[in-house]
Amino acid sequence: MADYTIISDVTNFLVSRLRKKMCPEPIPTEHSIESSSPSAQDVDYILGVYLFDIKQEGEISTPPMIKSGKTRLKKPPKPYTLYYMIFINGSSQMGLKAPDIQKILGKVAQVVADTETVSPREIQPWLDFAEPPIIFSAPKLTLEEKARIWQTINKPYQVSLFYKAAPVLISSEIVAEASPVVEAEFNIRMEGEKDA
């Protein structure tokens, strides 16, 4: 099951995918795409990937404990949804004009749509069990909701793209040792024989 680093790993995967597909055109270098907050000061990049919310979702329908190895039981993982904003950083200082910004955001939309899903095993290759794919999709946000996200970081609203990644499963560290079977009792009854 995915470890707690899966949140950071999903973000790194998204940044890595954008760098691979967007450089050198329309963004010249990979270092111009970063995981960052729009409120960060004195940073030199063009495209930012900002994780702005993490939401725990409902329980997965699994037993209270699941088998891990021969005699170990583990609590099932909890599912989370990660919410991202992808934005242009300091467009006025970087000399980008409106058509440049629209081209960059259009390419981001294309890359994320083409990526769509990723296997947790691709992000964390050491996973023992196959987990459901992580799906990237656009959350249903109104313009007012998007503007409020910008307001919470004290920045004026600018056109940006919003995505969610789910389900992101985080494993539990709680492990119980199951007692091995040491004694078994069997009763054999012949056909037609009545209980005593």
N, C-alpha and C. Protein backbone atom coordinates (compact mmCIF):
# COMPACT_ATOMS: atom_id res chain seq x y z
N MET A 1 0.84 -1.19 0.00
CA MET A 1 0.00 0.00 0.00
C MET A 1 0.88 1.24 0.00
N ALA A 2 0.37 2.30 -0.64
CA ALA A 2 1.16 3.53 -0.79
C ALA A 2 1.51 4.13 0.56
N ASP A 3 2.73 4.62 0.66
CA ASP A 3 3.21 5.23 1.89
C ASP A 3 2.77 6.69 1.95
N TYR A 4 3.02 7.33 3.10
CA TYR A 4 2.59 8.72 3.29
C TYR A 4 3.24 9.69 2.30
N THR A 5 4.35 9.31 1.70
CA THR A 5 5.02 10.19 0.73
C THR A 5 4.25 10.28 -0.59
N ILE A 6 3.15 9.54 -0.73
CA ILE A 6 2.42 9.52 -1.99
C ILE A 6 1.92 10.92 -2.37
N ILE A 7 1.59 11.76 -1.39
CA ILE A 7 1.11 13.12 -1.71
C ILE A 7 2.21 13.89 -2.44
N SER A 8 3.40 13.90 -1.86
CA SER A 8 4.53 14.56 -2.50
C SER A 8 4.88 13.90 -3.82
N ASP A 9 4.77 12.58 -3.87
CA ASP A 9 5.12 11.84 -5.08
C ASP A 9 4.17 12.15 -6.24
N VAL A 10 2.88 12.34 -5.93
CA VAL A 10 1.92 12.69 -6.98
C VAL A 10 2.24 14.09 -7.53
N THR A 11 2.56 15.01 -6.63
CA THR A 11 2.94 16.37 -7.06
C THR A 11 4.18 16.32 -7.94
N ASN A 12 5.18 15.56 -7.51
CA ASN A 12 6.42 15.44 -8.29
C ASN A 12 6.16 14.81 -9.65
N PHE A 13 5.26 13.83 -9.69
CA PHE A 13 4.90 13.19 -10.95
C PHE A 13 4.29 14.21 -11.91
N LEU A 14 3.36 15.03 -11.38
CA LEU A 14 2.70 16.03 -12.21
C LEU A 14 3.69 17.05 -12.76
N VAL A 15 4.60 17.53 -11.89
CA VAL A 15 5.63 18.48 -12.33
C VAL A 15 6.52 17.84 -13.38
N SER A 16 6.94 16.60 -13.13
CA SER A 16 7.82 15.89 -14.05
C SER A 16 7.16 15.69 -15.42
N ARG A 17 5.88 15.34 -15.42
CA ARG A 17 5.16 15.13 -16.68
C ARG A 17 5.05 16.44 -17.46
N LEU A 18 4.76 17.55 -16.77
CA LEU A 18 4.68 18.84 -17.44
C LEU A 18 6.04 19.25 -18.01
N ARG A 19 7.11 19.01 -17.25
CA ARG A 19 8.45 19.35 -17.73
C ARG A 19 8.79 18.54 -19.00
N LYS A 20 8.44 17.26 -18.97
CA LYS A 20 8.77 16.39 -20.10
C LYS A 20 8.03 16.80 -21.37
N LYS A 21 6.76 17.20 -21.24
CA LYS A 21 5.92 17.47 -22.40
C LYS A 21 5.91 18.93 -22.84
N MET A 22 6.37 19.84 -21.98
CA MET A 22 6.24 21.27 -22.28
C MET A 22 7.56 21.98 -22.58
N CYS A 23 8.67 21.25 -22.47
CA CYS A 23 9.98 21.87 -22.71
C CYS A 23 10.63 21.18 -23.92
N PRO A 24 11.23 21.90 -24.82
CA PRO A 24 11.53 23.34 -24.81
C PRO A 24 10.42 24.23 -25.38
N GLU A 25 9.29 23.67 -25.76
CA GLU A 25 8.22 24.50 -26.33
C GLU A 25 6.90 24.09 -25.69
N PRO A 26 6.15 24.99 -25.10
CA PRO A 26 6.27 26.45 -25.13
C PRO A 26 7.12 27.06 -24.00
N ILE A 27 7.67 26.20 -23.10
CA ILE A 27 8.51 26.72 -22.00
C ILE A 27 9.94 26.26 -22.26
N PRO A 28 10.90 27.20 -22.26
CA PRO A 28 12.26 26.86 -22.71
C PRO A 28 13.02 25.85 -21.87
N THR A 29 12.93 25.91 -20.54
CA THR A 29 13.73 24.99 -19.72
C THR A 29 12.87 24.31 -18.65
N GLU A 30 13.30 23.13 -18.24
CA GLU A 30 12.57 22.38 -17.21
C GLU A 30 12.51 23.13 -15.88
N HIS A 31 13.55 23.91 -15.59
CA HIS A 31 13.58 24.64 -14.32
C HIS A 31 12.57 25.77 -14.27
N SER A 32 11.91 26.03 -15.40
CA SER A 32 10.87 27.06 -15.44
C SER A 32 9.51 26.53 -15.03
N ILE A 33 9.45 25.24 -14.64
CA ILE A 33 8.21 24.64 -14.12
C ILE A 33 8.53 24.11 -12.73
N GLU A 34 7.81 24.62 -11.72
CA GLU A 34 8.11 24.27 -10.32
C GLU A 34 6.84 23.98 -9.53
N SER A 35 7.01 23.21 -8.45
CA SER A 35 5.97 23.08 -7.45
C SER A 35 6.14 24.24 -6.49
N SER A 36 5.17 25.14 -6.46
CA SER A 36 5.32 26.36 -5.68
C SER A 36 3.96 26.98 -5.41
N SER A 37 3.93 27.91 -4.46
CA SER A 37 2.72 28.68 -4.18
C SER A 37 2.80 30.01 -4.92
N PRO A 38 1.67 30.53 -5.40
CA PRO A 38 1.70 31.85 -6.04
C PRO A 38 2.15 32.96 -5.09
N SER A 39 2.08 32.70 -3.78
CA SER A 39 2.49 33.72 -2.81
C SER A 39 3.99 33.72 -2.55
N ALA A 40 4.72 32.72 -3.08
CA ALA A 40 6.17 32.67 -2.87
C ALA A 40 6.84 33.88 -3.53
N GLN A 41 7.78 34.48 -2.82
CA GLN A 41 8.46 35.68 -3.31
C GLN A 41 9.84 35.34 -3.88
N ASP A 42 10.31 36.19 -4.80
CA ASP A 42 11.67 36.07 -5.35
C ASP A 42 11.98 34.68 -5.89
N VAL A 43 11.06 34.14 -6.66
CA VAL A 43 11.28 32.83 -7.28
C VAL A 43 11.27 33.01 -8.79
N ASP A 44 12.10 32.26 -9.46
CA ASP A 44 12.30 32.45 -10.89
C ASP A 44 11.82 31.21 -11.65
N TYR A 45 10.54 31.20 -12.00
CA TYR A 45 9.98 30.13 -12.82
C TYR A 45 8.79 30.71 -13.58
N ILE A 46 8.33 30.00 -14.58
CA ILE A 46 7.21 30.49 -15.39
C ILE A 46 5.90 29.84 -14.97
N LEU A 47 5.92 28.50 -14.83
CA LEU A 47 4.69 27.76 -14.54
C LEU A 47 4.77 27.14 -13.15
N GLY A 48 3.74 27.36 -12.35
CA GLY A 48 3.71 26.82 -11.00
C GLY A 48 2.62 25.78 -10.82
N VAL A 49 2.93 24.74 -10.03
CA VAL A 49 1.97 23.72 -9.65
C VAL A 49 1.77 23.86 -8.14
N TYR A 50 0.56 24.24 -7.73
CA TYR A 50 0.28 24.57 -6.33
C TYR A 50 -0.76 23.61 -5.77
N LEU A 51 -0.37 22.80 -4.78
CA LEU A 51 -1.31 21.93 -4.07
C LEU A 51 -2.02 22.79 -3.03
N PHE A 52 -3.30 23.11 -3.28
CA PHE A 52 -3.98 24.05 -2.38
C PHE A 52 -4.96 23.39 -1.42
N ASP A 53 -5.25 22.10 -1.60
CA ASP A 53 -6.16 21.44 -0.65
C ASP A 53 -5.98 19.93 -0.72
N ILE A 54 -6.20 19.30 0.43
CA ILE A 54 -6.18 17.83 0.55
C ILE A 54 -7.43 17.45 1.32
N LYS A 55 -8.24 16.59 0.74
CA LYS A 55 -9.51 16.24 1.37
C LYS A 55 -9.60 14.73 1.55
N GLN A 56 -9.89 14.29 2.79
CA GLN A 56 -10.10 12.87 3.02
C GLN A 56 -11.50 12.50 2.55
N GLU A 57 -11.58 11.44 1.79
CA GLU A 57 -12.86 11.00 1.24
C GLU A 57 -13.46 9.92 2.13
N GLY A 58 -14.64 9.41 1.72
CA GLY A 58 -15.30 8.35 2.48
C GLY A 58 -14.47 7.08 2.53
N GLU A 59 -14.87 6.20 3.39
CA GLU A 59 -14.15 4.94 3.58
C GLU A 59 -14.25 4.06 2.33
N ILE A 60 -13.19 3.29 2.09
CA ILE A 60 -13.24 2.27 1.04
C ILE A 60 -13.92 1.05 1.65
N SER A 61 -14.75 0.37 0.87
CA SER A 61 -15.42 -0.80 1.43
C SER A 61 -14.45 -1.98 1.49
N THR A 62 -13.74 -2.05 2.61
CA THR A 62 -12.81 -3.13 2.86
C THR A 62 -13.04 -3.63 4.28
N PRO A 63 -12.57 -4.82 4.61
CA PRO A 63 -12.72 -5.28 5.99
C PRO A 63 -11.94 -4.39 6.94
N PRO A 64 -12.25 -4.44 8.25
CA PRO A 64 -11.55 -3.58 9.21
C PRO A 64 -10.04 -3.79 9.22
N MET A 65 -9.60 -5.01 8.93
CA MET A 65 -8.17 -5.31 8.83
C MET A 65 -7.96 -6.13 7.56
N ILE A 66 -6.85 -5.88 6.87
CA ILE A 66 -6.55 -6.64 5.67
C ILE A 66 -5.23 -7.38 5.84
N LYS A 67 -5.10 -8.49 5.13
CA LYS A 67 -3.93 -9.35 5.28
C LYS A 67 -2.70 -8.69 4.69
N SER A 68 -1.59 -8.75 5.44
CA SER A 68 -0.31 -8.22 4.98
C SER A 68 0.75 -9.24 5.36
N GLY A 69 1.15 -10.06 4.42
CA GLY A 69 2.07 -11.16 4.75
C GLY A 69 1.28 -12.35 5.26
N LYS A 70 1.99 -13.32 5.86
CA LYS A 70 1.34 -14.57 6.28
C LYS A 70 0.57 -14.43 7.58
N THR A 71 1.09 -13.67 8.54
CA THR A 71 0.44 -13.61 9.85
C THR A 71 0.15 -12.19 10.30
N ARG A 72 0.29 -11.23 9.41
CA ARG A 72 0.08 -9.84 9.82
C ARG A 72 -1.21 -9.28 9.24
N LEU A 73 -1.87 -8.45 10.03
CA LEU A 73 -3.08 -7.75 9.60
C LEU A 73 -2.81 -6.25 9.70
N LYS A 74 -3.34 -5.50 8.72
CA LYS A 74 -3.08 -4.08 8.68
C LYS A 74 -4.39 -3.33 8.46
N LYS A 75 -4.50 -2.14 9.07
CA LYS A 75 -5.68 -1.32 8.82
C LYS A 75 -5.70 -0.92 7.34
N PRO A 76 -6.88 -0.84 6.72
CA PRO A 76 -6.94 -0.47 5.30
C PRO A 76 -6.51 0.98 5.09
N PRO A 77 -6.09 1.32 3.87
CA PRO A 77 -5.66 2.69 3.59
C PRO A 77 -6.84 3.65 3.57
N LYS A 78 -6.55 4.93 3.74
CA LYS A 78 -7.57 5.98 3.66
C LYS A 78 -7.43 6.69 2.31
N PRO A 79 -8.56 6.95 1.64
CA PRO A 79 -8.50 7.64 0.34
C PRO A 79 -8.56 9.17 0.51
N TYR A 80 -7.74 9.85 -0.28
CA TYR A 80 -7.70 11.31 -0.26
C TYR A 80 -7.83 11.83 -1.69
N THR A 81 -8.29 13.09 -1.79
CA THR A 81 -8.29 13.81 -3.06
C THR A 81 -7.37 15.00 -2.92
N LEU A 82 -6.47 15.17 -3.90
CA LEU A 82 -5.54 16.30 -3.91
C LEU A 82 -6.04 17.32 -4.91
N TYR A 83 -6.03 18.59 -4.51
CA TYR A 83 -6.51 19.67 -5.39
C TYR A 83 -5.34 20.58 -5.78
N TYR A 84 -5.19 20.78 -7.09
CA TYR A 84 -4.07 21.56 -7.62
C TYR A 84 -4.55 22.77 -8.40
N MET A 85 -3.75 23.83 -8.32
CA MET A 85 -3.92 24.97 -9.21
C MET A 85 -2.63 25.09 -10.01
N ILE A 86 -2.75 25.21 -11.33
CA ILE A 86 -1.57 25.40 -12.18
C ILE A 86 -1.68 26.81 -12.76
N PHE A 87 -0.66 27.61 -12.50
CA PHE A 87 -0.74 29.04 -12.77
C PHE A 87 0.55 29.56 -13.42
N ILE A 88 0.44 30.75 -14.01
CA ILE A 88 1.61 31.43 -14.58
C ILE A 88 2.19 32.35 -13.50
N ASN A 89 3.47 32.26 -13.28
CA ASN A 89 4.12 33.07 -12.25
C ASN A 89 4.66 34.37 -12.82
N GLY A 90 4.32 35.47 -12.17
CA GLY A 90 4.91 36.76 -12.51
C GLY A 90 4.93 37.06 -13.98
N SER A 91 3.80 36.90 -14.65
CA SER A 91 3.78 37.05 -16.11
C SER A 91 4.25 38.44 -16.56
N SER A 92 3.94 39.46 -15.79
CA SER A 92 4.36 40.80 -16.22
C SER A 92 5.87 40.96 -16.17
N GLN A 93 6.52 40.37 -15.14
CA GLN A 93 7.98 40.47 -15.03
C GLN A 93 8.69 39.58 -16.05
N MET A 94 8.05 38.51 -16.47
CA MET A 94 8.69 37.57 -17.39
C MET A 94 8.52 38.01 -18.84
N GLY A 95 7.78 39.08 -19.07
CA GLY A 95 7.60 39.57 -20.43
C GLY A 95 6.63 38.75 -21.26
N LEU A 96 5.77 37.97 -20.58
CA LEU A 96 4.79 37.16 -21.32
C LEU A 96 3.57 38.00 -21.67
N LYS A 97 3.10 37.84 -22.87
CA LYS A 97 1.89 38.54 -23.30
C LYS A 97 0.71 37.56 -23.24
N ALA A 98 -0.50 38.10 -23.36
CA ALA A 98 -1.71 37.27 -23.24
C ALA A 98 -1.68 36.05 -24.16
N PRO A 99 -1.27 36.17 -25.45
CA PRO A 99 -1.22 34.97 -26.30
C PRO A 99 -0.23 33.92 -25.78
N ASP A 100 0.90 34.37 -25.19
CA ASP A 100 1.89 33.43 -24.64
C ASP A 100 1.28 32.66 -23.47
N ILE A 101 0.58 33.38 -22.60
CA ILE A 101 -0.04 32.75 -21.43
C ILE A 101 -1.08 31.74 -21.88
N GLN A 102 -1.88 32.11 -22.87
CA GLN A 102 -2.93 31.20 -23.34
C GLN A 102 -2.34 29.95 -24.00
N LYS A 103 -1.22 30.10 -24.70
CA LYS A 103 -0.56 28.93 -25.29
C LYS A 103 -0.05 27.99 -24.21
N ILE A 104 0.56 28.56 -23.17
CA ILE A 104 1.10 27.74 -22.08
C ILE A 104 -0.03 26.99 -21.37
N LEU A 105 -1.11 27.71 -21.04
CA LEU A 105 -2.23 27.06 -20.35
C LEU A 105 -2.91 26.03 -21.25
N GLY A 106 -2.96 26.31 -22.55
CA GLY A 106 -3.52 25.33 -23.48
C GLY A 106 -2.71 24.05 -23.52
N LYS A 107 -1.39 24.20 -23.49
CA LYS A 107 -0.51 23.01 -23.48
C LYS A 107 -0.66 22.24 -22.18
N VAL A 108 -0.79 22.95 -21.05
CA VAL A 108 -1.02 22.27 -19.76
C VAL A 108 -2.30 21.44 -19.84
N ALA A 109 -3.37 22.05 -20.35
CA ALA A 109 -4.65 21.33 -20.46
C ALA A 109 -4.49 20.07 -21.31
N GLN A 110 -3.73 20.18 -22.40
CA GLN A 110 -3.49 19.03 -23.28
C GLN A 110 -2.71 17.93 -22.56
N VAL A 111 -1.65 18.32 -21.85
CA VAL A 111 -0.79 17.34 -21.17
C VAL A 111 -1.57 16.60 -20.09
N VAL A 112 -2.33 17.33 -19.27
CA VAL A 112 -3.08 16.68 -18.19
C VAL A 112 -4.18 15.79 -18.76
N ALA A 113 -4.85 16.25 -19.81
CA ALA A 113 -5.90 15.43 -20.43
C ALA A 113 -5.31 14.16 -21.02
N ASP A 114 -4.13 14.25 -21.62
CA ASP A 114 -3.48 13.07 -22.19
C ASP A 114 -2.95 12.12 -21.11
N THR A 115 -2.58 12.69 -19.97
CA THR A 115 -2.09 11.86 -18.86
C THR A 115 -3.26 11.12 -18.23
N GLU A 116 -4.28 11.85 -17.84
CA GLU A 116 -5.55 11.37 -17.30
C GLU A 116 -5.41 10.45 -16.09
N THR A 117 -4.71 9.32 -16.21
CA THR A 117 -4.56 8.41 -15.07
C THR A 117 -3.10 7.99 -14.92
N VAL A 118 -2.75 7.61 -13.69
CA VAL A 118 -1.43 7.06 -13.42
C VAL A 118 -1.58 5.95 -12.39
N SER A 119 -0.84 4.88 -12.58
CA SER A 119 -0.85 3.78 -11.61
C SER A 119 0.01 4.17 -10.41
N PRO A 120 -0.47 3.95 -9.18
CA PRO A 120 0.37 4.23 -8.01
C PRO A 120 1.71 3.51 -8.07
N ARG A 121 1.76 2.35 -8.75
CA ARG A 121 3.02 1.61 -8.88
C ARG A 121 4.03 2.36 -9.74
N GLU A 122 3.55 3.19 -10.67
CA GLU A 122 4.45 4.01 -11.48
C GLU A 122 5.09 5.10 -10.62
N ILE A 123 4.36 5.53 -9.61
CA ILE A 123 4.86 6.59 -8.72
C ILE A 123 5.68 6.00 -7.58
N GLN A 124 5.22 4.88 -7.03
CA GLN A 124 5.94 4.18 -5.97
C GLN A 124 6.15 2.73 -6.40
N PRO A 125 7.26 2.45 -7.12
CA PRO A 125 7.47 1.13 -7.73
C PRO A 125 7.56 -0.04 -6.75
N TRP A 126 7.80 0.24 -5.48
CA TRP A 126 7.97 -0.83 -4.50
C TRP A 126 6.64 -1.39 -3.99
N LEU A 127 5.51 -0.87 -4.43
CA LEU A 127 4.21 -1.33 -3.92
C LEU A 127 4.02 -2.82 -4.15
N ASP A 128 3.55 -3.53 -3.11
CA ASP A 128 3.32 -4.97 -3.19
C ASP A 128 2.03 -5.30 -3.93
N PHE A 129 0.99 -4.48 -3.72
CA PHE A 129 -0.32 -4.78 -4.27
C PHE A 129 -0.73 -3.71 -5.29
N ALA A 130 -1.46 -4.15 -6.29
CA ALA A 130 -1.99 -3.19 -7.26
C ALA A 130 -3.08 -2.36 -6.59
N GLU A 131 -3.07 -1.07 -6.82
CA GLU A 131 -4.07 -0.16 -6.26
C GLU A 131 -4.81 0.50 -7.42
N PRO A 132 -6.00 1.05 -7.15
CA PRO A 132 -6.73 1.69 -8.24
C PRO A 132 -5.94 2.86 -8.82
N PRO A 133 -6.09 3.14 -10.11
CA PRO A 133 -5.33 4.24 -10.71
C PRO A 133 -5.75 5.58 -10.12
N ILE A 134 -4.80 6.52 -10.09
CA ILE A 134 -5.09 7.89 -9.67
C ILE A 134 -5.55 8.64 -10.91
N ILE A 135 -6.71 9.25 -10.83
CA ILE A 135 -7.31 9.94 -11.97
C ILE A 135 -7.17 11.44 -11.80
N PHE A 136 -6.67 12.11 -12.85
CA PHE A 136 -6.60 13.57 -12.87
C PHE A 136 -7.83 14.09 -13.61
N SER A 137 -8.57 14.97 -12.97
CA SER A 137 -9.76 15.54 -13.60
C SER A 137 -9.97 16.97 -13.10
N ALA A 138 -10.84 17.68 -13.79
CA ALA A 138 -11.11 19.07 -13.41
C ALA A 138 -12.27 19.11 -12.42
N PRO A 139 -12.06 19.70 -11.23
CA PRO A 139 -13.17 19.82 -10.29
C PRO A 139 -14.16 20.87 -10.79
N LYS A 140 -15.41 20.75 -10.36
CA LYS A 140 -16.42 21.71 -10.78
C LYS A 140 -16.34 22.93 -9.86
N LEU A 141 -15.58 23.93 -10.30
CA LEU A 141 -15.42 25.16 -9.53
C LEU A 141 -15.99 26.33 -10.33
N THR A 142 -16.73 27.19 -9.65
CA THR A 142 -17.22 28.40 -10.31
C THR A 142 -16.11 29.43 -10.34
N LEU A 143 -16.31 30.49 -11.11
CA LEU A 143 -15.33 31.57 -11.16
C LEU A 143 -15.17 32.21 -9.78
N GLU A 144 -16.27 32.32 -9.03
CA GLU A 144 -16.20 32.90 -7.68
C GLU A 144 -15.36 32.02 -6.76
N GLU A 145 -15.51 30.71 -6.87
CA GLU A 145 -14.72 29.80 -6.03
C GLU A 145 -13.23 29.90 -6.38
N LYS A 146 -12.93 30.00 -7.66
CA LYS A 146 -11.54 30.15 -8.08
C LYS A 146 -10.97 31.46 -7.56
N ALA A 147 -11.75 32.53 -7.66
CA ALA A 147 -11.29 33.84 -7.16
C ALA A 147 -11.03 33.79 -5.66
N ARG A 148 -11.87 33.05 -4.91
CA ARG A 148 -11.67 32.94 -3.45
C ARG A 148 -10.37 32.22 -3.12
N ILE A 149 -9.99 31.23 -3.94
CA ILE A 149 -8.72 30.54 -3.72
C ILE A 149 -7.57 31.52 -3.85
N TRP A 150 -7.63 32.39 -4.88
CA TRP A 150 -6.59 33.41 -5.04
C TRP A 150 -6.61 34.40 -3.87
N GLN A 151 -7.80 34.74 -3.38
CA GLN A 151 -7.91 35.69 -2.26
C GLN A 151 -7.27 35.13 -0.99
N THR A 152 -7.37 33.81 -0.78
CA THR A 152 -6.79 33.23 0.44
C THR A 152 -5.28 33.34 0.48
N ILE A 153 -4.65 33.52 -0.68
CA ILE A 153 -3.19 33.70 -0.70
C ILE A 153 -2.83 35.16 -0.99
N ASN A 154 -3.84 36.03 -0.84
CA ASN A 154 -3.63 37.48 -0.99
C ASN A 154 -3.03 37.85 -2.34
N LYS A 155 -3.56 37.23 -3.39
CA LYS A 155 -3.12 37.54 -4.74
C LYS A 155 -4.34 37.86 -5.60
N PRO A 156 -4.21 38.80 -6.53
CA PRO A 156 -5.34 39.06 -7.43
C PRO A 156 -5.59 37.86 -8.34
N TYR A 157 -6.84 37.67 -8.68
CA TYR A 157 -7.21 36.53 -9.53
C TYR A 157 -6.52 36.61 -10.89
N GLN A 158 -6.05 35.48 -11.36
CA GLN A 158 -5.57 35.39 -12.73
C GLN A 158 -6.02 34.06 -13.32
N VAL A 159 -6.14 34.00 -14.62
CA VAL A 159 -6.60 32.78 -15.28
C VAL A 159 -5.62 31.65 -14.95
N SER A 160 -6.15 30.53 -14.50
CA SER A 160 -5.33 29.38 -14.11
C SER A 160 -6.16 28.12 -14.31
N LEU A 161 -5.51 26.99 -14.20
CA LEU A 161 -6.19 25.70 -14.38
C LEU A 161 -6.26 24.98 -13.04
N PHE A 162 -7.37 24.28 -12.81
CA PHE A 162 -7.58 23.57 -11.55
C PHE A 162 -7.83 22.10 -11.84
N TYR A 163 -7.17 21.25 -11.05
CA TYR A 163 -7.30 19.80 -11.22
C TYR A 163 -7.39 19.12 -9.86
N LYS A 164 -7.98 17.93 -9.88
CA LYS A 164 -7.95 17.08 -8.69
C LYS A 164 -7.36 15.73 -9.07
N ALA A 165 -6.70 15.10 -8.10
CA ALA A 165 -6.12 13.77 -8.29
C ALA A 165 -6.72 12.85 -7.23
N ALA A 166 -7.36 11.76 -7.68
CA ALA A 166 -8.02 10.86 -6.73
C ALA A 166 -8.27 9.49 -7.39
N PRO A 167 -8.35 8.41 -6.59
CA PRO A 167 -8.09 8.37 -5.16
C PRO A 167 -6.60 8.23 -4.87
N VAL A 168 -6.13 8.94 -3.88
CA VAL A 168 -4.76 8.81 -3.43
C VAL A 168 -4.83 8.09 -2.08
N LEU A 169 -4.38 6.84 -2.06
CA LEU A 169 -4.51 6.00 -0.86
C LEU A 169 -3.26 6.12 0.01
N ILE A 170 -3.49 6.37 1.29
CA ILE A 170 -2.38 6.44 2.24
C ILE A 170 -2.53 5.30 3.23
N SER A 171 -1.49 4.48 3.33
CA SER A 171 -1.54 3.30 4.18
C SER A 171 -1.46 3.65 5.66
N SER A 172 -1.83 2.71 6.48
CA SER A 172 -1.74 2.86 7.93
C SER A 172 -0.45 2.19 8.43
N GLU A 173 0.07 2.71 9.54
CA GLU A 173 1.23 2.06 10.16
C GLU A 173 0.81 1.04 11.21
N ILE A 174 -0.49 0.96 11.49
CA ILE A 174 -0.98 0.03 12.52
C ILE A 174 -1.02 -1.38 11.94
N VAL A 175 -0.24 -2.26 12.56
CA VAL A 175 -0.15 -3.65 12.13
C VAL A 175 -0.41 -4.54 13.33
N ALA A 176 -1.24 -5.56 13.15
CA ALA A 176 -1.50 -6.52 14.22
C ALA A 176 -1.01 -7.89 13.78
N GLU A 177 -0.45 -8.62 14.72
CA GLU A 177 -0.01 -9.98 14.42
C GLU A 177 -1.17 -10.93 14.65
N ALA A 178 -1.53 -11.70 13.63
CA ALA A 178 -2.60 -12.69 13.76
C ALA A 178 -2.03 -13.95 14.38
N SER A 179 -2.76 -14.52 15.32
CA SER A 179 -2.30 -15.76 15.96
C SER A 179 -2.37 -16.91 14.97
N PRO A 180 -1.28 -17.66 14.81
CA PRO A 180 -1.33 -18.81 13.89
C PRO A 180 -2.23 -19.91 14.44
N VAL A 181 -2.82 -20.70 13.56
CA VAL A 181 -3.66 -21.83 13.99
C VAL A 181 -2.75 -22.92 14.53
N VAL A 182 -2.95 -23.29 15.81
CA VAL A 182 -2.10 -24.33 16.41
C VAL A 182 -2.89 -25.60 16.71
N GLU A 183 -4.21 -25.51 16.68
CA GLU A 183 -5.00 -26.70 16.98
C GLU A 183 -6.27 -26.67 16.16
N ALA A 184 -6.64 -27.81 15.61
CA ALA A 184 -7.88 -27.90 14.84
C ALA A 184 -8.62 -29.15 15.27
N GLU A 185 -9.93 -29.09 15.26
CA GLU A 185 -10.74 -30.24 15.67
C GLU A 185 -11.69 -30.59 14.54
N PHE A 186 -11.72 -31.87 14.19
CA PHE A 186 -12.59 -32.33 13.10
C PHE A 186 -13.50 -33.44 13.63
N ASN A 187 -14.75 -33.45 13.21
CA ASN A 187 -15.68 -34.52 13.54
C ASN A 187 -16.08 -35.22 12.25
N ILE A 188 -15.99 -36.55 12.26
CA ILE A 188 -16.38 -37.33 11.08
C ILE A 188 -17.60 -38.14 11.43
N ARG A 189 -18.59 -38.07 10.54
CA ARG A 189 -19.81 -38.80 10.80
C ARG A 189 -20.15 -39.62 9.56
N MET A 190 -20.42 -40.89 9.77
CA MET A 190 -20.77 -41.77 8.66
C MET A 190 -22.20 -41.46 8.20
N GLU A 191 -22.47 -41.68 6.92
CA GLU A 191 -23.78 -41.43 6.38
C GLU A 191 -24.79 -42.34 7.06
N GLY A 192 -25.90 -41.78 7.48
CA GLY A 192 -26.94 -42.55 8.15
C GLY A 192 -26.74 -42.61 9.65
N GLU A 193 -25.58 -42.23 10.16
CA GLU A 193 -25.31 -42.28 11.60
C GLU A 193 -25.96 -41.08 12.26
N LYS A 194 -26.63 -41.33 13.42
CA LYS A 194 -27.33 -40.26 14.12
C LYS A 194 -26.41 -39.67 15.18
N ASP A 195 -26.66 -38.39 15.48
CA ASP A 195 -25.89 -37.72 16.55
C ASP A 195 -26.20 -38.39 17.87
N ALA A 196 -25.16 -38.50 18.71
CA ALA A 196 -25.34 -39.12 20.03
C ALA A 196 -26.04 -38.15 20.94
